PDB file of all heavy atoms in Angstrom:
ATOM      1  N   VAL A   1      19.057  78.179  61.729  1.00  0.00           N
ATOM      2  CA  VAL A   1      19.010  77.619  63.042  1.00  0.00           C
ATOM      3  C   VAL A   1      20.273  77.518  63.757  1.00  0.00           C
ATOM      4  O   VAL A   1      20.497  77.746  65.036  1.00  0.00           O
ATOM      5  CB  VAL A   1      18.236  76.187  62.955  1.00  0.00           C
ATOM      6  CG1 VAL A   1      18.192  75.519  64.339  1.00  0.00           C
ATOM      7  CG2 VAL A   1      16.804  76.495  62.448  1.00  0.00           C
ATOM      8  N   TYR A   2      21.339  77.068  63.015  1.00  0.00           N
ATOM      9  CA  TYR A   2      22.574  76.908  63.572  1.00  0.00           C
ATOM     10  C   TYR A   2      23.172  78.214  64.137  1.00  0.00           C
ATOM     11  O   TYR A   2      23.795  78.201  65.337  1.00  0.00           O
ATOM     12  CB  TYR A   2      23.525  76.230  62.592  1.00  0.00           C
ATOM     13  CG  TYR A   2      24.989  76.077  63.022  1.00  0.00           C
ATOM     14  CD1 TYR A   2      25.310  74.944  63.728  1.00  0.00           C
ATOM     15  CD2 TYR A   2      26.065  77.036  62.786  1.00  0.00           C
ATOM     16  CE1 TYR A   2      26.641  74.780  64.158  1.00  0.00           C
ATOM     17  CE2 TYR A   2      27.213  76.786  63.196  1.00  0.00           C
ATOM     18  CZ  TYR A   2      27.629  75.741  63.963  1.00  0.00           C
ATOM     19  OH  TYR A   2      28.878  75.577  64.432  1.00  0.00           O
ATOM     20  N   VAL A   3      23.048  79.167  63.297  1.00  0.00           N
ATOM     21  CA  VAL A   3      23.552  80.573  63.755  1.00  0.00           C
ATOM     22  C   VAL A   3      22.693  81.048  64.895  1.00  0.00           C
ATOM     23  O   VAL A   3      23.295  81.546  65.738  1.00  0.00           O
ATOM     24  CB  VAL A   3      23.394  81.600  62.610  1.00  0.00           C
ATOM     25  CG1 VAL A   3      23.751  82.943  63.033  1.00  0.00           C
ATOM     26  CG2 VAL A   3      24.402  81.095  61.412  1.00  0.00           C
ATOM     27  N   LEU A   4      21.431  80.825  64.930  1.00  0.00           N
ATOM     28  CA  LEU A   4      20.622  81.112  66.197  1.00  0.00           C
ATOM     29  C   LEU A   4      21.115  80.534  67.452  1.00  0.00           C
ATOM     30  O   LEU A   4      21.096  81.177  68.488  1.00  0.00           O
ATOM     31  CB  LEU A   4      19.151  80.804  65.835  1.00  0.00           C
ATOM     32  CG  LEU A   4      18.174  81.155  66.956  1.00  0.00           C
ATOM     33  CD1 LEU A   4      18.169  82.575  67.300  1.00  0.00           C
ATOM     34  CD2 LEU A   4      16.768  80.601  66.677  1.00  0.00           C
ATOM     35  N   GLY A   5      21.640  79.190  67.342  1.00  0.00           N
ATOM     36  CA  GLY A   5      22.110  78.513  68.464  1.00  0.00           C
ATOM     37  C   GLY A   5      23.357  79.209  68.972  1.00  0.00           C
ATOM     38  O   GLY A   5      23.494  79.460  70.167  1.00  0.00           O
ATOM     39  N   THR A   6      24.226  79.570  68.045  1.00  0.00           N
ATOM     40  CA  THR A   6      25.428  80.414  68.548  1.00  0.00           C
ATOM     41  C   THR A   6      25.170  81.719  69.122  1.00  0.00           C
ATOM     42  O   THR A   6      25.764  82.191  70.122  1.00  0.00           O
ATOM     43  CB  THR A   6      26.529  80.626  67.352  1.00  0.00           C
ATOM     44  OG1 THR A   6      25.691  81.284  66.353  1.00  0.00           O
ATOM     45  CG2 THR A   6      26.856  79.254  66.681  1.00  0.00           C
ATOM     46  N   ALA A   7      24.093  82.466  68.563  1.00  0.00           N
ATOM     47  CA  ALA A   7      23.633  83.692  69.066  1.00  0.00           C
ATOM     48  C   ALA A   7      23.009  83.541  70.476  1.00  0.00           C
ATOM     49  O   ALA A   7      23.381  84.416  71.344  1.00  0.00           O
ATOM     50  CB  ALA A   7      22.599  84.332  68.182  1.00  0.00           C
ATOM     51  N   ILE A   8      22.480  82.451  70.770  1.00  0.00           N
ATOM     52  CA  ILE A   8      21.892  82.263  72.060  1.00  0.00           C
ATOM     53  C   ILE A   8      23.006  82.196  73.140  1.00  0.00           C
ATOM     54  O   ILE A   8      22.949  82.588  74.199  1.00  0.00           O
ATOM     55  CB  ILE A   8      21.031  81.026  72.115  1.00  0.00           C
ATOM     56  CG1 ILE A   8      19.676  81.166  71.272  1.00  0.00           C
ATOM     57  CG2 ILE A   8      20.601  80.615  73.587  1.00  0.00           C
ATOM     58  CD1 ILE A   8      18.746  79.978  71.111  1.00  0.00           C
ATOM     59  N   THR A   9      24.032  81.357  72.802  1.00  0.00           N
ATOM     60  CA  THR A   9      25.139  81.212  73.680  1.00  0.00           C
ATOM     61  C   THR A   9      25.876  82.579  73.938  1.00  0.00           C
ATOM     62  O   THR A   9      26.121  83.000  75.105  1.00  0.00           O
ATOM     63  CB  THR A   9      26.199  80.286  73.070  1.00  0.00           C
ATOM     64  OG1 THR A   9      25.559  78.987  72.928  1.00  0.00           O
ATOM     65  CG2 THR A   9      27.434  80.181  74.005  1.00  0.00           C
ATOM     66  N   TYR A  10      26.079  83.385  72.941  1.00  0.00           N
ATOM     67  CA  TYR A  10      26.718  84.718  73.090  1.00  0.00           C
ATOM     68  C   TYR A  10      25.722  85.734  73.768  1.00  0.00           C
ATOM     69  O   TYR A  10      26.198  86.460  74.608  1.00  0.00           O
ATOM     70  CB  TYR A  10      26.999  85.340  71.714  1.00  0.00           C
ATOM     71  CG  TYR A  10      28.075  84.622  70.923  1.00  0.00           C
ATOM     72  CD1 TYR A  10      28.076  84.090  69.607  1.00  0.00           C
ATOM     73  CD2 TYR A  10      29.332  84.404  71.615  1.00  0.00           C
ATOM     74  CE1 TYR A  10      29.128  83.515  69.017  1.00  0.00           C
ATOM     75  CE2 TYR A  10      30.367  83.761  71.013  1.00  0.00           C
ATOM     76  CZ  TYR A  10      30.279  83.371  69.646  1.00  0.00           C
ATOM     77  OH  TYR A  10      31.238  82.679  69.079  1.00  0.00           O
ATOM     78  N   MET A  11      24.471  85.504  73.566  1.00  0.00           N
ATOM     79  CA  MET A  11      23.519  86.458  74.227  1.00  0.00           C
ATOM     80  C   MET A  11      23.625  86.078  75.766  1.00  0.00           C
ATOM     81  O   MET A  11      23.559  87.009  76.640  1.00  0.00           O
ATOM     82  CB  MET A  11      22.097  86.133  73.853  1.00  0.00           C
ATOM     83  CG  MET A  11      21.145  86.996  74.566  1.00  0.00           C
ATOM     84  SD  MET A  11      19.410  86.616  73.963  1.00  0.00           S
ATOM     85  CE  MET A  11      19.123  84.922  74.688  1.00  0.00           C
ATOM     86  N   ALA A  12      23.678  84.817  76.111  1.00  0.00           N
ATOM     87  CA  ALA A  12      23.689  84.475  77.505  1.00  0.00           C
ATOM     88  C   ALA A  12      25.076  85.002  78.276  1.00  0.00           C
ATOM     89  O   ALA A  12      25.032  85.522  79.351  1.00  0.00           O
ATOM     90  CB  ALA A  12      23.607  82.864  77.719  1.00  0.00           C
ATOM     91  N   VAL A  13      26.155  84.883  77.496  1.00  0.00           N
ATOM     92  CA  VAL A  13      27.386  85.479  77.859  1.00  0.00           C
ATOM     93  C   VAL A  13      27.333  87.021  78.120  1.00  0.00           C
ATOM     94  O   VAL A  13      27.754  87.546  79.055  1.00  0.00           O
ATOM     95  CB  VAL A  13      28.617  85.023  77.069  1.00  0.00           C
ATOM     96  CG1 VAL A  13      29.928  85.675  77.556  1.00  0.00           C
ATOM     97  CG2 VAL A  13      28.782  83.513  77.033  1.00  0.00           C
ATOM     98  N   GLY A  14      26.658  87.566  77.107  1.00  0.00           N
ATOM     99  CA  GLY A  14      26.449  89.072  77.135  1.00  0.00           C
ATOM    100  C   GLY A  14      25.699  89.599  78.336  1.00  0.00           C
ATOM    101  O   GLY A  14      25.879  90.538  78.991  1.00  0.00           O
ATOM    102  N   ILE A  15      24.576  88.769  78.595  1.00  0.00           N
ATOM    103  CA  ILE A  15      23.721  89.152  79.709  1.00  0.00           C
ATOM    104  C   ILE A  15      24.460  88.960  81.028  1.00  0.00           C
ATOM    105  O   ILE A  15      24.402  89.894  81.876  1.00  0.00           O
ATOM    106  CB  ILE A  15      22.513  88.278  79.785  1.00  0.00           C
ATOM    107  CG1 ILE A  15      21.540  88.620  78.516  1.00  0.00           C
ATOM    108  CG2 ILE A  15      21.701  88.438  81.070  1.00  0.00           C
ATOM    109  CD1 ILE A  15      20.407  87.636  78.503  1.00  0.00           C
ATOM    110  N   PHE A  16      25.343  88.060  81.117  1.00  0.00           N
ATOM    111  CA  PHE A  16      26.072  87.857  82.283  1.00  0.00           C
ATOM    112  C   PHE A  16      27.179  88.974  82.425  1.00  0.00           C
ATOM    113  O   PHE A  16      27.279  89.560  83.469  1.00  0.00           O
ATOM    114  CB  PHE A  16      26.874  86.544  82.342  1.00  0.00           C
ATOM    115  CG  PHE A  16      27.854  86.382  83.329  1.00  0.00           C
ATOM    116  CD1 PHE A  16      27.522  85.980  84.723  1.00  0.00           C
ATOM    117  CD2 PHE A  16      29.164  86.504  83.050  1.00  0.00           C
ATOM    118  CE1 PHE A  16      28.488  85.839  85.595  1.00  0.00           C
ATOM    119  CE2 PHE A  16      30.238  86.329  83.993  1.00  0.00           C
ATOM    120  CZ  PHE A  16      29.781  86.069  85.334  1.00  0.00           C
ATOM    121  N   ALA A  17      27.754  89.417  81.325  1.00  0.00           N
ATOM    122  CA  ALA A  17      28.668  90.350  81.367  1.00  0.00           C
ATOM    123  C   ALA A  17      28.043  91.788  81.696  1.00  0.00           C
ATOM    124  O   ALA A  17      28.528  92.522  82.581  1.00  0.00           O
ATOM    125  CB  ALA A  17      29.410  90.682  80.032  1.00  0.00           C
ATOM    126  N   GLY A  18      26.714  91.946  81.184  1.00  0.00           N
ATOM    127  CA  GLY A  18      26.014  93.216  81.590  1.00  0.00           C
ATOM    128  C   GLY A  18      25.735  93.348  82.975  1.00  0.00           C
ATOM    129  O   GLY A  18      25.890  94.401  83.585  1.00  0.00           O
ATOM    130  N   TYR A  19      25.294  92.113  83.627  1.00  0.00           N
ATOM    131  CA  TYR A  19      24.945  92.212  85.051  1.00  0.00           C
ATOM    132  C   TYR A  19      26.265  92.395  85.915  1.00  0.00           C
ATOM    133  O   TYR A  19      26.027  92.943  87.086  1.00  0.00           O
ATOM    134  CB  TYR A  19      24.266  90.950  85.419  1.00  0.00           C
ATOM    135  CG  TYR A  19      22.794  90.978  85.218  1.00  0.00           C
ATOM    136  CD1 TYR A  19      22.212  90.172  84.286  1.00  0.00           C
ATOM    137  CD2 TYR A  19      21.951  91.795  86.009  1.00  0.00           C
ATOM    138  CE1 TYR A  19      20.810  90.292  84.005  1.00  0.00           C
ATOM    139  CE2 TYR A  19      20.556  91.856  85.970  1.00  0.00           C
ATOM    140  CZ  TYR A  19      20.109  91.008  84.818  1.00  0.00           C
ATOM    141  OH  TYR A  19      18.677  91.188  84.570  1.00  0.00           O
ATOM    142  N   THR A  20      27.377  92.070  85.487  1.00  0.00           N
ATOM    143  CA  THR A  20      28.551  92.202  86.238  1.00  0.00           C
ATOM    144  C   THR A  20      29.063  93.637  86.174  1.00  0.00           C
ATOM    145  O   THR A  20      29.911  94.104  86.994  1.00  0.00           O
ATOM    146  CB  THR A  20      29.648  91.260  85.823  1.00  0.00           C
ATOM    147  OG1 THR A  20      29.922  91.584  84.511  1.00  0.00           O
ATOM    148  CG2 THR A  20      29.358  89.866  86.151  1.00  0.00           C
ATOM    149  N   GLY A  21      28.642  94.441  85.127  1.00  0.00           N
ATOM    150  CA  GLY A  21      29.055  95.809  85.042  1.00  0.00           C
ATOM    151  C   GLY A  21      30.452  95.826  84.533  1.00  0.00           C
ATOM    152  O   GLY A  21      30.913  95.127  83.817  1.00  0.00           O
ATOM    153  N   GLU A  22      31.087  96.841  85.122  1.00  0.00           N
ATOM    154  CA  GLU A  22      32.451  97.113  84.806  1.00  0.00           C
ATOM    155  C   GLU A  22      33.454  96.229  85.496  1.00  0.00           C
ATOM    156  O   GLU A  22      34.679  96.218  85.293  1.00  0.00           O
ATOM    157  CB  GLU A  22      32.867  98.645  85.218  1.00  0.00           C
ATOM    158  CG  GLU A  22      32.135  99.621  84.563  1.00  0.00           C
ATOM    159  CD  GLU A  22      32.498 101.043  84.999  1.00  0.00           C
ATOM    160  OE1 GLU A  22      33.243 101.220  85.936  1.00  0.00           O
ATOM    161  OE2 GLU A  22      32.060 102.095  84.332  1.00  0.00           O
ATOM    162  N   GLN A  23      32.933  95.363  86.355  1.00  0.00           N
ATOM    163  CA  GLN A  23      33.847  94.494  87.141  1.00  0.00           C
ATOM    164  C   GLN A  23      34.325  93.279  86.330  1.00  0.00           C
ATOM    165  O   GLN A  23      35.327  92.588  86.598  1.00  0.00           O
ATOM    166  CB  GLN A  23      33.141  93.960  88.420  1.00  0.00           C
ATOM    167  CG  GLN A  23      32.827  94.998  89.361  1.00  0.00           C
ATOM    168  CD  GLN A  23      33.944  95.825  89.852  1.00  0.00           C
ATOM    169  OE1 GLN A  23      34.971  95.187  90.047  1.00  0.00           O
ATOM    170  NE2 GLN A  23      33.829  97.059  90.086  1.00  0.00           N
ATOM    171  N   LEU A  24      33.600  92.986  85.137  1.00  0.00           N
ATOM    172  CA  LEU A  24      33.941  91.785  84.448  1.00  0.00           C
ATOM    173  C   LEU A  24      35.460  91.849  83.957  1.00  0.00           C
ATOM    174  O   LEU A  24      36.287  90.787  84.164  1.00  0.00           O
ATOM    175  CB  LEU A  24      33.098  91.654  83.281  1.00  0.00           C
ATOM    176  CG  LEU A  24      33.306  90.250  82.371  1.00  0.00           C
ATOM    177  CD1 LEU A  24      32.965  89.140  83.248  1.00  0.00           C
ATOM    178  CD2 LEU A  24      32.410  90.304  81.144  1.00  0.00           C
ATOM    179  N   GLN A  25      35.865  92.870  83.398  1.00  0.00           N
ATOM    180  CA  GLN A  25      37.243  92.992  82.985  1.00  0.00           C
ATOM    181  C   GLN A  25      38.270  93.133  84.097  1.00  0.00           C
ATOM    182  O   GLN A  25      39.316  92.642  83.971  1.00  0.00           O
ATOM    183  CB  GLN A  25      37.453  94.142  82.088  1.00  0.00           C
ATOM    184  CG  GLN A  25      37.246  95.448  82.586  1.00  0.00           C
ATOM    185  CD  GLN A  25      37.364  96.661  81.635  1.00  0.00           C
ATOM    186  OE1 GLN A  25      37.833  96.352  80.509  1.00  0.00           O
ATOM    187  NE2 GLN A  25      37.259  97.872  82.111  1.00  0.00           N
ATOM    188  N   ALA A  26      37.751  93.681  85.171  1.00  0.00           N
ATOM    189  CA  ALA A  26      38.655  93.704  86.436  1.00  0.00           C
ATOM    190  C   ALA A  26      38.996  92.395  86.839  1.00  0.00           C
ATOM    191  O   ALA A  26      39.942  92.136  87.542  1.00  0.00           O
ATOM    192  CB  ALA A  26      38.004  94.594  87.409  1.00  0.00           C
ATOM    193  N   TYR A  27      38.048  91.384  86.747  1.00  0.00           N
ATOM    194  CA  TYR A  27      38.198  90.094  87.203  1.00  0.00           C
ATOM    195  C   TYR A  27      39.449  89.392  86.624  1.00  0.00           C
ATOM    196  O   TYR A  27      40.054  88.618  87.258  1.00  0.00           O
ATOM    197  CB  TYR A  27      36.874  89.173  86.946  1.00  0.00           C
ATOM    198  CG  TYR A  27      35.776  89.626  87.875  1.00  0.00           C
ATOM    199  CD1 TYR A  27      34.362  89.403  87.390  1.00  0.00           C
ATOM    200  CD2 TYR A  27      35.856  90.345  89.048  1.00  0.00           C
ATOM    201  CE1 TYR A  27      33.417  89.835  88.044  1.00  0.00           C
ATOM    202  CE2 TYR A  27      34.721  90.723  89.768  1.00  0.00           C
ATOM    203  CZ  TYR A  27      33.481  90.526  89.292  1.00  0.00           C
ATOM    204  OH  TYR A  27      32.459  90.913  90.047  1.00  0.00           O
ATOM    205  N   VAL A  28      39.688  89.677  85.366  1.00  0.00           N
ATOM    206  CA  VAL A  28      40.743  89.031  84.614  1.00  0.00           C
ATOM    207  C   VAL A  28      42.027  89.863  84.535  1.00  0.00           C
ATOM    208  O   VAL A  28      42.997  89.463  83.996  1.00  0.00           O
ATOM    209  CB  VAL A  28      40.305  88.570  83.294  1.00  0.00           C
ATOM    210  CG1 VAL A  28      39.225  87.515  83.435  1.00  0.00           C
ATOM    211  CG2 VAL A  28      39.741  89.699  82.366  1.00  0.00           C
ATOM    212  N   GLN A  29      41.879  91.246  84.971  1.00  0.00           N
ATOM    213  CA  GLN A  29      43.058  92.139  84.880  1.00  0.00           C
ATOM    214  C   GLN A  29      43.783  92.078  86.150  1.00  0.00           C
ATOM    215  O   GLN A  29      44.021  93.128  86.864  1.00  0.00           O
ATOM    216  CB  GLN A  29      42.559  93.496  84.574  1.00  0.00           C
ATOM    217  CG  GLN A  29      41.936  93.675  83.078  1.00  0.00           C
ATOM    218  CD  GLN A  29      42.933  93.387  82.034  1.00  0.00           C
ATOM    219  OE1 GLN A  29      44.110  93.648  82.113  1.00  0.00           O
ATOM    220  NE2 GLN A  29      42.509  92.700  80.973  1.00  0.00           N
ATOM    221  N   ASN A  30      44.292  91.008  86.453  1.00  0.00           N
ATOM    222  CA  ASN A  30      45.033  90.804  87.612  1.00  0.00           C
ATOM    223  C   ASN A  30      46.212  89.761  87.345  1.00  0.00           C
ATOM    224  O   ASN A  30      46.227  88.916  86.321  1.00  0.00           O
ATOM    225  CB  ASN A  30      44.346  90.458  88.855  1.00  0.00           C
ATOM    226  CG  ASN A  30      43.623  89.163  88.725  1.00  0.00           C
ATOM    227  OD1 ASN A  30      44.239  88.036  88.897  1.00  0.00           O
ATOM    228  ND2 ASN A  30      42.334  89.217  88.521  1.00  0.00           N
ATOM    229  N   ILE A  31      47.198  89.709  88.068  1.00  0.00           N
ATOM    230  CA  ILE A  31      48.437  88.817  87.786  1.00  0.00           C
ATOM    231  C   ILE A  31      48.096  87.377  87.875  1.00  0.00           C
ATOM    232  O   ILE A  31      48.667  86.617  87.073  1.00  0.00           O
ATOM    233  CB  ILE A  31      49.473  89.199  88.876  1.00  0.00           C
ATOM    234  CG1 ILE A  31      50.763  88.341  88.488  1.00  0.00           C
ATOM    235  CG2 ILE A  31      49.191  88.879  90.325  1.00  0.00           C
ATOM    236  CD1 ILE A  31      52.103  88.844  89.278  1.00  0.00           C
ATOM    237  N   TRP A  32      47.106  86.913  88.622  1.00  0.00           N
ATOM    238  CA  TRP A  32      46.685  85.536  88.726  1.00  0.00           C
ATOM    239  C   TRP A  32      45.979  85.057  87.509  1.00  0.00           C
ATOM    240  O   TRP A  32      46.279  84.104  86.950  1.00  0.00           O
ATOM    241  CB  TRP A  32      45.894  85.315  89.938  1.00  0.00           C
ATOM    242  CG  TRP A  32      46.495  85.694  91.231  1.00  0.00           C
ATOM    243  CD1 TRP A  32      46.180  86.766  92.089  1.00  0.00           C
ATOM    244  CD2 TRP A  32      47.611  84.994  91.846  1.00  0.00           C
ATOM    245  NE1 TRP A  32      47.116  86.797  93.102  1.00  0.00           N
ATOM    246  CE2 TRP A  32      48.008  85.764  93.078  1.00  0.00           C
ATOM    247  CE3 TRP A  32      48.421  83.914  91.523  1.00  0.00           C
ATOM    248  CZ2 TRP A  32      48.987  85.401  93.910  1.00  0.00           C
ATOM    249  CZ3 TRP A  32      49.503  83.434  92.458  1.00  0.00           C
ATOM    250  CH2 TRP A  32      49.617  84.251  93.514  1.00  0.00           C
ATOM    251  N   ALA A  33      44.973  85.874  86.953  1.00  0.00           N
ATOM    252  CA  ALA A  33      44.385  85.441  85.803  1.00  0.00           C
ATOM    253  C   ALA A  33      45.151  85.506  84.638  1.00  0.00           C
ATOM    254  O   ALA A  33      45.149  84.612  83.725  1.00  0.00           O
ATOM    255  CB  ALA A  33      43.115  86.430  85.641  1.00  0.00           C
ATOM    256  N   ILE A  34      45.933  86.682  84.485  1.00  0.00           N
ATOM    257  CA  ILE A  34      46.839  86.791  83.268  1.00  0.00           C
ATOM    258  C   ILE A  34      47.864  85.642  83.250  1.00  0.00           C
ATOM    259  O   ILE A  34      48.210  85.067  82.336  1.00  0.00           O
ATOM    260  CB  ILE A  34      47.486  88.121  83.279  1.00  0.00           C
ATOM    261  CG1 ILE A  34      46.356  89.261  83.071  1.00  0.00           C
ATOM    262  CG2 ILE A  34      48.441  88.183  82.058  1.00  0.00           C
ATOM    263  CD1 ILE A  34      46.975  90.596  83.173  1.00  0.00           C
ATOM    264  N   GLY A  35      48.436  85.352  84.509  1.00  0.00           N
ATOM    265  CA  GLY A  35      49.268  84.330  84.576  1.00  0.00           C
ATOM    266  C   GLY A  35      48.879  82.920  84.268  1.00  0.00           C
ATOM    267  O   GLY A  35      49.578  82.020  83.594  1.00  0.00           O
TER     268      GLY A  35
END
């Protein structure tokens, strides 16, 4: 049950990343985010 809870969180983050497409990594690959 504990592992299932962690999986739910990662699944939610994964769904969000999937809907953003290729732009997710672009959001953090800039001087402001890295800084």
